[in-house]
Amino acid sequence: MDPKSFVDSAVLLLIVASIAVAVFRHFGLGSILGLLVTGIVVGPHTPGPFITTEVDGVRHFTEIGVVLLLFLIGLEMKPRRLWELRRLLFGLGSLQIVVSALTIAAYFRLFDTNWATSLLIGSSFALSSTAFVMQILRDNGEIASRHGQTAFAILLMQDLAVVPLLAMVPILADAGPLPKNLSIPEQIGVAVAMIALVIVAGRYLVPRVLDHLARTHNREAFLLTAMAAVFTAAMAMEHAGMSMALGAFLMGMMLSTSRYSLQIEASLEPHKGLLMSLFFVAVGMSVDVGAVARHPGAFAAHVVAIIVIKVVAIYLLCLIFSTGRATALRAAFLLAQGGEFGFVLFGAAKALGAIDDTLFATAVAVISATMLATPVLAKLGNRLAQSLPEKTGDEPDALRYRQQSGEPEARVVIGGYGRVGHTIGAVLGSNRIPFVAFDSDAVLVAKWRGEGHPVFYGQIGNPELFAVASLQHVELVVLTIDKQDDALRAAKLIRAHSPRVTIIARARDLAMCDALQQAGVSQAFPELLEASLRLAAEALEALGSSQDDADLVLREVRDTDYALVRNGPENVSSPPEQP
């Protein structure tokens, strides 16, 4: 593609996407549906200008966004929390795949397909879209909810099931073993080895490298190393025949206990958002409108049947696992679509001759159409569940991890954890007020973390820090940064990103205090002047004034914006010396 055509395609994509997203968000349907429609409009299967005919290549590239999405989710999911979900993960997740696959296979058996092909189709449609579901949950802040954790457990089990499903394709196609010349036990062994390698690297190797880079203040290499770790883990899983997203999730989960987790999340979040948007556009481009138009009745029947089968199966299984009816409804409608890995399974089946071109085009269109319906289905599930209040007794123990984990959401962020920041943290901790502190000194962070303080490596001036899930409900930001330029920059960026949060700051003198307030700080305190005022109050008490009178003097000085001190002797020119 020459530069001119690339620019033309980019302009077309941006114009259509901006209009579609604005319209769909205006009607409360969400940005994902707008991006899917954008893909249909600019795709090669509809009349008018299109950006490319290489839809498969675009979709494969944009799966990088899915990789980053699962990595960021892993950063929020500590290993202990995953262990708490083991019953839902292996029990509910496994049964969902089996029951959905067999039921969908029985449905397609009605269309004169043999049992082998029907099982292949059923297994492919049994998988749901990790990208769509997790993006919706993140956008709505529902990953930690009951239905969010239930849906996540099922999706993770689906990713783990990719290896046996891929191994099943050539068997059902009667094409012999996979081209890798490995038996199924050997493939499973390779997958287990790759998972172990990712876990060991994420737990021990990568944190050591990041620690070295942080101590040497090499920010660029820090970001590149984090990204390299993510994609290396994804590549390892792909070579093992598994989902790239699974490798990224495992790496993120291993790094979730690191003191660098929040800084990594803040650095990668903007890249994830852009690539995920392109992924949804690529899915929309996969919809072959012509194939749908040739068999509209069969296509509509397949879409409705798959959604209904998965909703009923997941709902009933969730009830068996005592999630409660409201949670079961929300999870069932969230997971009713086909998944992006269905593209891979149907592609492998087509390559081996298990399905023909017509069935492949129809299957891809059905997956895309069910994805297209996901935002609407999610809203429908929430609406139906609102009339079914969740009973406390129905709530699984694994889904109460937020209350049991002892990790309340932070109400305060402290920027800088030196002597001043540590003092503030100690006062907040003694009053049981949850806080998180950031400092750019990796040595200092390691020291305080070793003593159990909630201190993370990070640049407080990075506004993306306040977009991470654990800092969504921060009420107060305390800036204790000593360097004037860094403090001013941090204040401006935080205020621009979070206009409603209260910011208080430390200042060296009145000039710095005024500059911080102009930058958006709610209140700044000149530390040298405050120390002087405290000494003045002690002097008054020593000379016979009561403590209340001395405190009243200090209060009057502060209430008048230090007017007494601004016009004091230090601001008056010294008289000329006598000859």
Protein backbone atom coordinates (compact mmCIF):
# COMPACT_ATOMS: atom_id res chain seq x y z
CA MET A 1 0.00 0.00 0.00
CA ASP A 2 1.51 3.34 -0.99
CA PRO A 3 1.58 6.24 1.53
CA LYS A 4 -1.21 8.11 -0.22
CA SER A 5 -3.61 5.16 -0.09
CA PHE A 6 -2.68 4.54 3.55
CA VAL A 7 -3.52 8.12 4.49
CA ASP A 8 -6.77 7.96 2.52
CA SER A 9 -7.75 4.75 4.32
CA ALA A 10 -6.87 6.21 7.71
CA VAL A 11 -8.91 9.35 7.06
CA LEU A 12 -11.91 7.31 5.88
CA LEU A 13 -11.70 5.04 8.93
CA LEU A 14 -11.42 7.94 11.39
CA ILE A 15 -14.32 9.87 9.88
CA VAL A 16 -16.69 6.90 9.81
CA ALA A 17 -15.62 5.71 13.28
CA SER A 18 -16.05 9.13 14.89
CA ILE A 19 -19.56 9.51 13.46
CA ALA A 20 -20.65 5.95 14.28
CA VAL A 21 -19.29 5.97 17.84
CA ALA A 22 -20.84 9.37 18.55
CA VAL A 23 -24.25 8.25 17.25
CA PHE A 24 -24.29 4.90 19.06
CA ARG A 25 -23.10 6.39 22.34
CA HIS A 26 -25.77 9.09 22.03
CA PHE A 27 -28.44 6.38 21.94
CA GLY A 28 -26.83 4.51 24.83
CA LEU A 29 -25.63 1.54 22.75
CA GLY A 30 -21.93 1.96 23.53
CA SER A 31 -18.83 2.58 21.45
CA ILE A 32 -18.18 -1.11 20.65
CA LEU A 33 -21.32 -1.39 18.54
CA GLY A 34 -20.34 1.82 16.75
CA LEU A 35 -16.91 0.38 15.94
CA LEU A 36 -18.45 -2.84 14.62
CA VAL A 37 -20.74 -0.89 12.31
CA THR A 38 -17.73 1.16 11.22
CA GLY A 39 -16.03 -2.07 10.17
CA ILE A 40 -19.05 -3.14 8.14
CA VAL A 41 -19.20 0.25 6.38
CA VAL A 42 -15.49 0.45 5.49
CA GLY A 43 -15.13 -3.30 4.86
CA PRO A 44 -14.79 -4.91 1.43
CA HIS A 45 -18.18 -6.63 1.59
CA THR A 46 -20.33 -3.50 1.29
CA PRO A 47 -20.73 -0.98 -1.56
CA GLY A 48 -18.66 2.17 -1.50
CA PRO A 49 -15.05 2.92 -0.53
CA PHE A 50 -13.21 0.36 1.60
CA ILE A 51 -9.85 0.50 3.35
CA THR A 52 -8.48 -2.97 2.49
CA THR A 53 -9.37 -6.42 1.25
CA GLU A 54 -6.88 -8.11 3.63
CA VAL A 55 -9.42 -8.54 6.42
CA ASP A 56 -7.78 -11.62 7.95
CA GLY A 57 -4.43 -9.88 8.13
CA VAL A 58 -5.94 -6.80 9.75
CA ARG A 59 -7.80 -8.94 12.29
CA HIS A 60 -4.66 -10.92 13.18
CA PHE A 61 -2.69 -7.70 13.69
CA THR A 62 -5.34 -6.05 15.83
CA GLU A 63 -5.45 -9.10 18.12
CA ILE A 64 -2.48 -7.37 19.74
CA GLY A 65 -5.13 -5.24 21.42
CA VAL A 66 -6.74 -8.35 22.89
CA VAL A 67 -3.30 -9.42 24.15
CA LEU A 68 -2.82 -6.08 25.94
CA LEU A 69 -6.37 -6.20 27.31
CA LEU A 70 -5.79 -9.60 28.94
CA PHE A 71 -2.40 -8.49 30.24
CA LEU A 72 -3.98 -5.49 31.98
CA ILE A 73 -6.69 -7.71 33.43
CA GLY A 74 -3.95 -10.03 34.71
CA LEU A 75 -2.31 -7.06 36.45
CA GLU A 76 -5.54 -6.60 38.41
CA MET A 77 -5.91 -10.32 39.23
CA LYS A 78 -3.47 -11.59 41.83
CA PRO A 79 -2.75 -15.37 41.84
CA ARG A 80 -4.62 -15.83 45.11
CA ARG A 81 -7.78 -14.42 43.56
CA LEU A 82 -7.52 -16.81 40.62
CA TRP A 83 -7.19 -19.73 43.02
CA GLU A 84 -10.39 -18.61 44.73
CA LEU A 85 -12.15 -18.99 41.35
CA ARG A 86 -10.95 -22.57 40.77
CA ARG A 87 -14.42 -24.10 41.25
CA LEU A 88 -15.97 -21.82 38.65
CA LEU A 89 -12.92 -22.02 36.38
CA PHE A 90 -12.60 -25.80 36.10
CA GLY A 91 -16.13 -26.81 37.01
CA LEU A 92 -18.48 -24.27 35.44
CA GLY A 93 -16.05 -23.39 32.63
CA SER A 94 -15.52 -26.99 31.53
CA LEU A 95 -19.20 -27.88 31.66
CA GLN A 96 -20.13 -24.78 29.68
CA ILE A 97 -17.86 -25.83 26.81
CA VAL A 98 -19.11 -29.43 26.78
CA VAL A 99 -22.83 -28.68 27.13
CA SER A 100 -22.80 -25.77 24.65
CA ALA A 101 -20.76 -27.72 22.09
CA LEU A 102 -23.00 -30.82 22.23
CA THR A 103 -26.23 -28.81 22.09
CA ILE A 104 -25.08 -26.65 19.17
CA ALA A 105 -23.80 -29.79 17.40
CA ALA A 106 -27.22 -31.40 17.79
CA TYR A 107 -28.81 -28.31 16.28
CA PHE A 108 -26.53 -28.36 13.23
CA ARG A 109 -27.13 -32.08 12.84
CA LEU A 110 -30.65 -31.08 11.76
CA PHE A 111 -29.14 -29.54 8.60
CA ASP A 112 -27.85 -32.86 7.27
CA THR A 113 -24.27 -32.34 8.41
CA ASN A 114 -22.49 -35.44 9.72
CA TRP A 115 -21.74 -35.77 13.43
CA ALA A 116 -18.02 -35.05 13.03
CA THR A 117 -18.66 -31.73 11.27
CA SER A 118 -21.48 -30.88 13.67
CA LEU A 119 -19.18 -31.44 16.67
CA LEU A 120 -16.54 -29.26 15.06
CA ILE A 121 -19.06 -26.47 14.49
CA GLY A 122 -20.50 -26.86 17.99
CA SER A 123 -17.07 -26.71 19.65
CA SER A 124 -16.16 -23.59 17.70
CA PHE A 125 -19.38 -21.77 18.55
CA ALA A 126 -19.17 -22.85 22.21
CA LEU A 127 -16.32 -20.36 22.67
CA SER A 128 -17.20 -16.77 23.58
CA SER A 129 -15.38 -13.53 22.83
CA THR A 130 -12.87 -12.63 25.52
CA ALA A 131 -12.23 -9.28 23.85
CA PHE A 132 -15.86 -8.17 23.76
CA VAL A 133 -16.88 -9.40 27.18
CA MET A 134 -13.85 -8.13 29.09
CA GLN A 135 -13.93 -4.76 27.34
CA ILE A 136 -17.60 -4.32 28.29
CA LEU A 137 -16.86 -5.35 31.88
CA ARG A 138 -13.92 -2.93 32.10
CA ASP A 139 -15.91 -0.07 30.60
CA ASN A 140 -18.70 -0.65 33.13
CA GLY A 141 -16.34 -1.25 36.05
CA GLU A 142 -17.84 -4.73 36.57
CA ILE A 143 -14.82 -7.04 36.42
CA ALA A 144 -14.91 -7.46 40.20
CA SER A 145 -18.69 -8.01 40.26
CA ARG A 146 -20.27 -11.44 40.74
CA HIS A 147 -21.25 -11.81 37.11
CA GLY A 148 -17.94 -10.32 35.99
CA GLN A 149 -15.92 -12.91 37.86
CA THR A 150 -18.24 -15.71 36.71
CA ALA A 151 -17.87 -14.65 33.06
CA PHE A 152 -14.11 -14.27 33.49
CA ALA A 153 -13.73 -17.80 34.90
CA ILE A 154 -15.64 -19.28 31.94
CA LEU A 155 -13.61 -17.27 29.41
CA LEU A 156 -10.31 -18.30 30.97
CA MET A 157 -11.32 -21.96 30.82
CA GLN A 158 -12.17 -21.50 27.15
CA ASP A 159 -8.68 -20.18 26.52
CA LEU A 160 -7.21 -23.21 28.29
CA ALA A 161 -9.37 -25.49 26.12
CA VAL A 162 -7.92 -24.16 22.87
CA VAL A 163 -5.19 -26.82 22.69
CA PRO A 164 -7.50 -29.86 22.83
CA LEU A 165 -9.98 -28.15 20.49
CA LEU A 166 -7.29 -27.47 17.90
CA ALA A 167 -6.09 -31.04 18.28
CA MET A 168 -9.62 -32.22 17.69
CA VAL A 169 -9.96 -30.44 14.31
CA PRO A 170 -7.84 -32.84 12.19
CA ILE A 171 -9.33 -35.85 13.99
CA LEU A 172 -12.89 -34.78 13.17
CA ALA A 173 -11.77 -33.88 9.65
CA ASP A 174 -10.26 -37.37 9.31
CA ALA A 175 -6.99 -35.74 8.27
CA GLY A 176 -4.66 -37.48 10.69
CA PRO A 177 -2.50 -35.75 13.26
CA LEU A 178 -1.63 -32.09 13.25
CA PRO A 179 1.22 -30.97 10.95
CA LYS A 180 3.42 -30.54 14.01
CA ASN A 181 3.90 -34.35 14.10
CA LEU A 182 3.20 -34.29 17.82
CA SER A 183 0.74 -36.52 19.58
CA ILE A 184 -1.97 -34.98 21.74
CA PRO A 185 -0.13 -35.83 25.02
CA GLU A 186 3.05 -34.26 23.60
CA GLN A 187 1.16 -31.12 22.59
CA ILE A 188 -0.34 -30.87 26.07
CA GLY A 189 3.14 -31.35 27.54
CA VAL A 190 4.53 -28.52 25.40
CA ALA A 191 1.62 -26.29 26.48
CA VAL A 192 2.23 -27.05 30.17
CA ALA A 193 5.96 -26.35 29.74
CA MET A 194 5.25 -23.00 28.07
CA ILE A 195 2.82 -22.02 30.84
CA ALA A 196 5.45 -22.89 33.47
CA LEU A 197 8.08 -20.88 31.57
CA VAL A 198 5.83 -17.80 31.41
CA ILE A 199 5.01 -18.08 35.12
CA VAL A 200 8.67 -18.37 36.15
CA ALA A 201 9.75 -15.49 33.89
CA GLY A 202 6.93 -13.26 35.11
CA ARG A 203 7.54 -14.06 38.76
CA TYR A 204 11.33 -13.81 38.91
CA LEU A 205 13.08 -12.66 35.71
CA VAL A 206 11.02 -9.72 34.44
CA PRO A 207 10.70 -7.95 37.84
CA ARG A 208 14.48 -8.06 38.27
CA VAL A 209 15.04 -6.48 34.86
CA LEU A 210 12.41 -3.80 35.54
CA ASP A 211 13.96 -3.09 38.93
CA HIS A 212 17.38 -2.51 37.36
CA LEU A 213 15.92 -0.16 34.73
CA ALA A 214 13.92 1.76 37.33
CA ARG A 215 16.97 2.25 39.54
CA THR A 216 18.89 3.67 36.58
CA HIS A 217 15.90 5.90 35.63
CA ASN A 218 15.76 4.42 32.13
CA ARG A 219 12.06 5.07 31.46
CA GLU A 220 12.08 4.24 27.75
CA ALA A 221 13.74 0.86 28.28
CA PHE A 222 11.35 0.23 31.20
CA LEU A 223 8.30 0.57 28.92
CA LEU A 224 9.86 -1.41 26.09
CA THR A 225 10.85 -4.23 28.45
CA ALA A 226 7.31 -4.45 29.83
CA MET A 227 5.88 -4.65 26.30
CA ALA A 228 8.49 -7.21 25.27
CA ALA A 229 7.55 -9.37 28.27
CA VAL A 230 3.86 -9.25 27.28
CA PHE A 231 4.37 -10.18 23.66
CA THR A 232 7.01 -12.81 24.42
CA ALA A 233 4.53 -14.55 26.71
CA ALA A 234 1.85 -14.27 24.02
CA MET A 235 4.22 -15.68 21.40
CA ALA A 236 5.14 -18.60 23.65
CA MET A 237 1.48 -19.55 24.02
CA GLU A 238 0.87 -19.21 20.30
CA HIS A 239 3.78 -21.54 19.49
CA ALA A 240 2.29 -24.01 21.96
CA GLY A 241 -0.96 -23.87 20.00
CA MET A 242 -2.78 -21.88 22.68
CA SER A 243 -4.37 -18.45 22.89
CA MET A 244 -1.96 -15.49 22.88
CA ALA A 245 -4.31 -13.77 25.31
CA LEU A 246 -3.73 -16.56 27.85
CA GLY A 247 0.02 -15.97 27.83
CA ALA A 248 -0.46 -12.23 28.28
CA PHE A 249 -2.89 -12.82 31.15
CA LEU A 250 -0.46 -15.14 32.96
CA MET A 251 2.38 -12.62 32.59
CA GLY A 252 0.16 -9.84 33.92
CA MET A 253 -0.97 -11.95 36.86
CA MET A 254 2.65 -12.72 37.79
CA LEU A 255 3.52 -9.02 37.66
CA SER A 256 0.41 -8.01 39.65
CA THR A 257 2.28 -8.38 42.94
CA SER A 258 5.20 -6.27 41.70
CA ARG A 259 5.73 -2.70 42.88
CA TYR A 260 5.80 -1.70 39.22
CA SER A 261 2.32 -3.02 38.34
CA LEU A 262 0.45 0.30 38.41
CA GLN A 263 3.10 2.14 36.39
CA ILE A 264 3.08 -0.64 33.77
CA GLU A 265 -0.72 -0.52 33.60
CA ALA A 266 -0.73 3.25 33.18
CA SER A 267 1.90 3.07 30.42
CA LEU A 268 0.14 0.39 28.35
CA GLU A 269 -3.50 1.46 28.79
CA PRO A 270 -3.50 4.08 25.95
CA HIS A 271 -1.99 1.59 23.46
CA LYS A 272 -4.56 -1.03 24.42
CA GLY A 273 -7.45 1.34 23.82
CA LEU A 274 -6.38 2.18 20.28
CA LEU A 275 -5.66 -1.42 19.27
CA MET A 276 -8.90 -2.71 20.78
CA SER A 277 -10.83 -0.16 18.75
CA LEU A 278 -9.11 -1.40 15.59
CA PHE A 279 -9.91 -5.00 16.59
CA PHE A 280 -13.62 -4.28 16.78
CA VAL A 281 -13.46 -2.53 13.40
CA ALA A 282 -11.68 -5.59 11.94
CA VAL A 283 -14.42 -7.89 13.26
CA GLY A 284 -17.02 -5.71 11.57
CA MET A 285 -15.05 -5.92 8.33
CA SER A 286 -15.30 -9.73 8.52
CA VAL A 287 -19.06 -9.67 8.03
CA ASP A 288 -19.69 -10.89 4.47
CA VAL A 289 -22.93 -9.13 3.64
CA GLY A 290 -23.16 -11.00 0.33
CA ALA A 291 -23.03 -14.43 1.99
CA VAL A 292 -25.69 -13.36 4.44
CA ALA A 293 -27.91 -12.04 1.64
CA ARG A 294 -27.75 -15.33 -0.26
CA HIS A 295 -29.19 -17.33 2.66
CA PRO A 296 -30.86 -14.80 4.97
CA GLY A 297 -33.26 -17.29 6.56
CA ALA A 298 -30.64 -19.86 7.47
CA PHE A 299 -28.27 -17.15 8.65
CA ALA A 300 -30.85 -15.57 10.96
CA ALA A 301 -31.85 -19.00 12.30
CA HIS A 302 -28.22 -19.87 13.10
CA VAL A 303 -27.64 -16.58 14.90
CA VAL A 304 -30.78 -16.86 17.00
CA ALA A 305 -30.23 -20.56 17.74
CA ILE A 306 -26.65 -20.11 18.93
CA ILE A 307 -27.56 -17.17 21.18
CA VAL A 308 -30.55 -18.97 22.68
CA ILE A 309 -28.66 -22.23 23.22
CA LYS A 310 -25.74 -20.51 24.95
CA VAL A 311 -27.96 -18.29 27.09
CA VAL A 312 -30.02 -21.24 28.31
CA ALA A 313 -27.00 -23.51 28.86
CA ILE A 314 -24.94 -20.93 30.75
CA TYR A 315 -27.93 -19.77 32.80
CA LEU A 316 -28.80 -23.29 33.96
CA LEU A 317 -25.17 -24.20 34.68
CA CYS A 318 -24.69 -21.02 36.71
CA LEU A 319 -27.75 -21.92 38.79
CA ILE A 320 -26.27 -25.38 39.40
CA PHE A 321 -23.11 -23.67 40.68
CA SER A 322 -25.19 -21.44 43.00
CA THR A 323 -24.28 -18.09 41.51
CA GLY A 324 -27.79 -16.73 41.98
CA ARG A 325 -30.37 -15.97 39.30
CA ALA A 326 -29.36 -12.35 38.68
CA THR A 327 -25.70 -13.29 38.22
CA ALA A 328 -26.67 -16.23 36.01
CA LEU A 329 -28.77 -13.99 33.74
CA ARG A 330 -26.06 -11.36 33.37
CA ALA A 331 -23.33 -13.91 32.67
CA ALA A 332 -25.48 -15.87 30.21
CA PHE A 333 -26.32 -12.86 28.06
CA LEU A 334 -22.73 -11.59 28.24
CA LEU A 335 -21.32 -14.87 26.90
CA ALA A 336 -23.95 -15.66 24.26
CA GLN A 337 -21.78 -14.64 21.29
CA GLY A 338 -19.21 -16.55 19.28
CA GLY A 339 -15.53 -15.89 19.96
CA GLU A 340 -12.55 -14.63 18.02
CA PHE A 341 -10.89 -18.04 18.34
CA GLY A 342 -13.78 -19.44 16.32
CA PHE A 343 -12.20 -17.74 13.32
CA VAL A 344 -9.06 -19.79 13.94
CA LEU A 345 -10.90 -23.10 14.40
CA PHE A 346 -13.04 -22.64 11.30
CA GLY A 347 -9.97 -21.57 9.34
CA ALA A 348 -8.15 -24.75 10.37
CA ALA A 349 -11.21 -26.83 9.46
CA LYS A 350 -11.43 -25.18 6.05
CA ALA A 351 -7.72 -25.79 5.38
CA LEU A 352 -8.19 -29.49 6.17
CA GLY A 353 -11.33 -29.78 4.03
CA ALA A 354 -13.67 -30.43 6.94
CA ILE A 355 -15.97 -27.59 5.81
CA ASP A 356 -16.48 -25.93 2.42
CA ASP A 357 -16.14 -22.26 1.48
CA THR A 358 -19.85 -21.56 1.86
CA LEU A 359 -20.03 -22.97 5.38
CA PHE A 360 -16.84 -21.12 6.33
CA ALA A 361 -18.23 -17.76 5.10
CA THR A 362 -21.51 -18.39 6.91
CA ALA A 363 -19.74 -19.37 10.14
CA VAL A 364 -17.54 -16.24 10.11
CA ALA A 365 -20.61 -14.07 9.44
CA VAL A 366 -22.52 -15.75 12.29
CA ILE A 367 -19.65 -15.18 14.74
CA SER A 368 -19.40 -11.54 13.67
CA ALA A 369 -23.18 -11.04 13.92
CA THR A 370 -23.33 -12.50 17.43
CA MET A 371 -20.46 -10.22 18.42
CA LEU A 372 -22.40 -7.32 16.91
CA ALA A 373 -25.32 -8.18 19.19
CA THR A 374 -23.19 -8.42 22.35
CA PRO A 375 -23.63 -4.83 23.66
CA VAL A 376 -27.41 -5.11 23.23
CA LEU A 377 -27.48 -8.57 24.84
CA ALA A 378 -25.45 -7.30 27.79
CA LYS A 379 -27.94 -4.48 28.35
CA LEU A 380 -30.84 -6.92 28.05
CA GLY A 381 -29.28 -9.25 30.62
CA ASN A 382 -28.73 -6.38 33.07
CA ARG A 383 -32.31 -5.19 32.63
CA LEU A 384 -33.76 -8.64 33.23
CA ALA A 385 -31.49 -9.17 36.25
CA GLN A 386 -32.58 -5.91 37.89
CA SER A 387 -35.90 -7.49 38.80
CA LEU A 388 -34.08 -10.36 40.52
CA PRO A 389 -32.24 -9.07 43.61
CA GLU A 390 -29.21 -11.16 44.49
CA LYS A 391 -29.47 -13.10 47.72
CA THR A 392 -26.44 -13.07 49.97
CA GLY A 393 -26.78 -16.79 50.51
CA ASP A 394 -26.54 -17.43 46.78
CA GLU A 395 -23.22 -15.66 46.44
CA PRO A 396 -20.28 -18.05 45.92
CA ASP A 397 -17.37 -17.69 48.31
CA ALA A 398 -15.01 -17.21 45.38
CA LEU A 399 -16.84 -14.07 44.35
CA ARG A 400 -16.49 -12.36 47.70
CA TYR A 401 -12.75 -11.90 47.27
CA ARG A 402 -12.92 -8.12 47.42
CA GLN A 403 -14.32 -8.20 50.94
CA GLN A 404 -12.01 -11.00 52.06
CA SER A 405 -8.81 -9.86 50.46
CA GLY A 406 -8.17 -6.99 52.86
CA GLU A 407 -7.41 -4.70 49.92
CA PRO A 408 -9.94 -1.85 50.04
CA GLU A 409 -9.92 0.64 47.21
CA ALA A 410 -7.60 3.58 47.81
CA ARG A 411 -9.21 6.87 48.84
CA VAL A 412 -5.97 8.86 48.84
CA VAL A 413 -2.98 8.98 46.49
CA ILE A 414 0.31 10.36 47.83
CA GLY A 415 2.74 11.64 45.24
CA GLY A 416 6.22 11.22 46.65
CA TYR A 417 7.01 9.04 49.67
CA GLY A 418 9.97 10.76 51.25
CA ARG A 419 9.93 12.16 54.79
CA VAL A 420 6.79 14.26 54.21
CA GLY A 421 4.90 11.59 52.27
CA HIS A 422 5.77 8.93 54.82
CA THR A 423 4.50 11.12 57.65
CA ILE A 424 1.18 11.65 55.85
CA GLY A 425 0.94 7.94 55.10
CA ALA A 426 1.56 7.07 58.73
CA VAL A 427 -1.25 9.39 59.86
CA LEU A 428 -3.66 8.02 57.25
CA GLY A 429 -2.76 4.43 58.14
CA SER A 430 -3.31 5.04 61.84
CA ASN A 431 -6.81 6.29 61.00
CA ARG A 432 -7.52 3.25 58.76
CA ILE A 433 -7.81 5.37 55.63
CA PRO A 434 -6.67 3.31 52.59
CA PHE A 435 -4.06 5.03 50.44
CA VAL A 436 -1.58 4.34 47.66
CA ALA A 437 1.75 6.14 47.31
CA PHE A 438 3.96 6.62 44.26
CA ASP A 439 7.62 7.51 44.04
CA SER A 440 10.08 7.56 41.15
CA ASP A 441 12.99 6.43 43.37
CA ALA A 442 13.10 2.64 42.93
CA VAL A 443 15.42 2.19 45.93
CA LEU A 444 13.05 4.13 48.20
CA VAL A 445 10.07 2.19 46.89
CA ALA A 446 11.81 -1.13 47.58
CA LYS A 447 12.63 0.01 51.13
CA TRP A 448 9.07 0.98 52.05
CA ARG A 449 7.50 -1.99 50.25
CA GLY A 450 9.76 -4.24 52.29
CA GLU A 451 8.23 -2.73 55.42
CA GLY A 452 4.69 -3.33 54.21
CA HIS A 453 3.76 0.15 52.97
CA PRO A 454 1.47 0.43 49.87
CA VAL A 455 4.11 2.19 47.78
CA PHE A 456 4.49 1.67 44.03
CA TYR A 457 7.03 2.78 41.48
CA GLY A 458 5.48 5.41 39.23
CA GLN A 459 5.47 8.95 37.93
CA ILE A 460 2.70 10.83 39.75
CA GLY A 461 2.67 13.26 36.82
CA ASN A 462 1.39 10.50 34.53
CA PRO A 463 -2.39 11.12 34.30
CA GLU A 464 -3.00 7.57 33.07
CA LEU A 465 -2.24 6.37 36.59
CA PHE A 466 -5.68 7.59 37.62
CA ALA A 467 -7.32 5.55 34.86
CA VAL A 468 -6.29 2.21 36.36
CA ALA A 469 -9.08 0.27 38.00
CA SER A 470 -7.73 0.40 41.55
CA LEU A 471 -7.59 4.23 41.51
CA GLN A 472 -11.03 4.88 40.03
CA HIS A 473 -12.54 6.18 43.28
CA VAL A 474 -9.69 8.29 44.66
CA GLU A 475 -11.02 11.28 46.62
CA LEU A 476 -7.79 13.10 47.45
CA VAL A 477 -4.33 13.54 45.94
CA VAL A 478 -1.50 14.77 48.19
CA LEU A 479 1.56 16.10 46.36
CA THR A 480 4.72 16.09 48.45
CA ILE A 481 7.15 16.48 45.52
CA ASP A 482 10.12 18.69 46.37
CA LYS A 483 11.08 19.73 42.82
CA GLN A 484 9.03 22.73 41.74
CA ASP A 485 8.80 21.93 38.02
CA ASP A 486 7.76 18.32 38.63
CA ALA A 487 5.13 19.38 41.17
CA LEU A 488 3.61 21.97 38.82
CA ARG A 489 3.52 19.55 35.91
CA ALA A 490 1.92 16.84 38.04
CA ALA A 491 -0.71 19.26 39.36
CA LYS A 492 -1.69 20.42 35.85
CA LEU A 493 -1.94 16.90 34.42
CA ILE A 494 -3.88 15.49 37.38
CA ARG A 495 -6.32 18.40 37.33
CA ALA A 496 -6.86 18.01 33.57
CA HIS A 497 -7.51 14.28 33.89
CA SER A 498 -9.52 14.37 37.14
CA PRO A 499 -11.26 17.75 37.41
CA ARG A 500 -13.27 16.78 40.51
CA VAL A 501 -10.56 15.28 42.70
CA THR A 502 -9.24 17.34 45.61
CA ILE A 503 -5.51 18.12 45.39
CA ILE A 504 -3.45 19.42 48.29
CA ALA A 505 0.24 20.07 47.94
CA ARG A 506 3.40 20.88 49.77
CA ALA A 507 5.16 24.11 48.77
CA ARG A 508 8.48 25.53 49.82
CA ASP A 509 7.39 29.17 49.96
CA LEU A 510 4.55 31.53 49.07
CA ALA A 511 5.64 31.92 45.45
CA MET A 512 5.49 28.17 44.92
CA CYS A 513 2.19 28.07 46.79
CA ASP A 514 0.65 30.59 44.38
CA ALA A 515 2.03 28.76 41.33
CA LEU A 516 0.54 25.44 42.50
CA GLN A 517 -2.88 26.98 43.08
CA GLN A 518 -2.82 28.47 39.59
CA ALA A 519 -1.97 25.00 38.26
CA GLY A 520 -5.16 23.57 39.78
CA VAL A 521 -4.19 22.58 43.32
CA SER A 522 -7.12 22.96 45.73
CA GLN A 523 -4.88 24.08 48.57
CA ALA A 524 -1.11 24.43 48.98
CA PHE A 525 0.84 24.81 52.22
CA PRO A 526 4.22 26.62 52.30
CA GLU A 527 6.20 24.40 54.64
CA LEU A 528 8.86 26.96 55.63
CA LEU A 529 6.23 29.56 56.42
CA GLU A 530 4.08 27.08 58.34
CA ALA A 531 7.07 26.11 60.46
CA SER A 532 7.74 29.79 61.14
CA LEU A 533 4.10 30.38 62.12
CA ARG A 534 4.23 27.44 64.50
CA LEU A 535 7.33 28.89 66.14
CA ALA A 536 5.59 32.28 66.37
CA ALA A 537 2.63 30.66 68.14
CA GLU A 538 4.95 28.93 70.59
CA ALA A 539 6.65 32.30 71.23
CA LEU A 540 3.28 33.92 72.03
CA GLU A 541 2.44 31.11 74.45
CA ALA A 542 5.84 31.43 76.10
CA LEU A 543 5.14 35.15 76.64
CA GLY A 544 1.83 34.49 78.39
CA SER A 545 -0.77 34.18 75.62
CA SER A 546 -3.21 31.29 75.84
CA GLN A 547 -3.05 28.42 73.38
CA ASP A 548 -6.45 29.41 71.99
CA ASP A 549 -5.26 32.96 71.32
CA ALA A 550 -2.11 31.70 69.62
CA ASP A 551 -4.11 29.31 67.45
CA LEU A 552 -6.50 32.14 66.57
CA VAL A 553 -3.58 34.22 65.31
CA LEU A 554 -2.41 31.36 63.08
CA ARG A 555 -5.95 30.83 61.78
CA GLU A 556 -6.34 34.51 60.89
CA VAL A 557 -3.04 34.48 59.00
CA ARG A 558 -4.10 31.44 56.97
CA ASP A 559 -7.64 32.72 56.34
CA THR A 560 -6.26 35.94 54.84
CA ASP A 561 -3.97 33.99 52.48
CA TYR A 562 -0.93 34.86 54.57
CA ALA A 563 -1.49 38.59 53.95
CA LEU A 564 0.27 39.54 57.19
CA VAL A 565 3.39 37.65 56.13
CA ARG A 566 3.26 38.74 52.49
CA ASN A 567 3.53 42.35 53.63
CA GLY A 568 5.90 41.61 56.45
CA PRO A 569 9.48 42.77 57.01
CA GLU A 570 10.95 40.15 54.66
CA ASN A 571 9.14 41.86 51.76
CA VAL A 572 10.12 45.42 52.73
CA SER A 573 13.33 46.98 51.41
CA SER A 574 16.01 47.56 54.01
CA PRO A 575 16.67 51.24 54.87
CA PRO A 576 19.84 52.71 53.43
CA GLU A 577 22.87 52.58 55.70
CA GLN A 578 23.80 55.80 57.54
CA PRO A 579 27.00 57.41 56.35
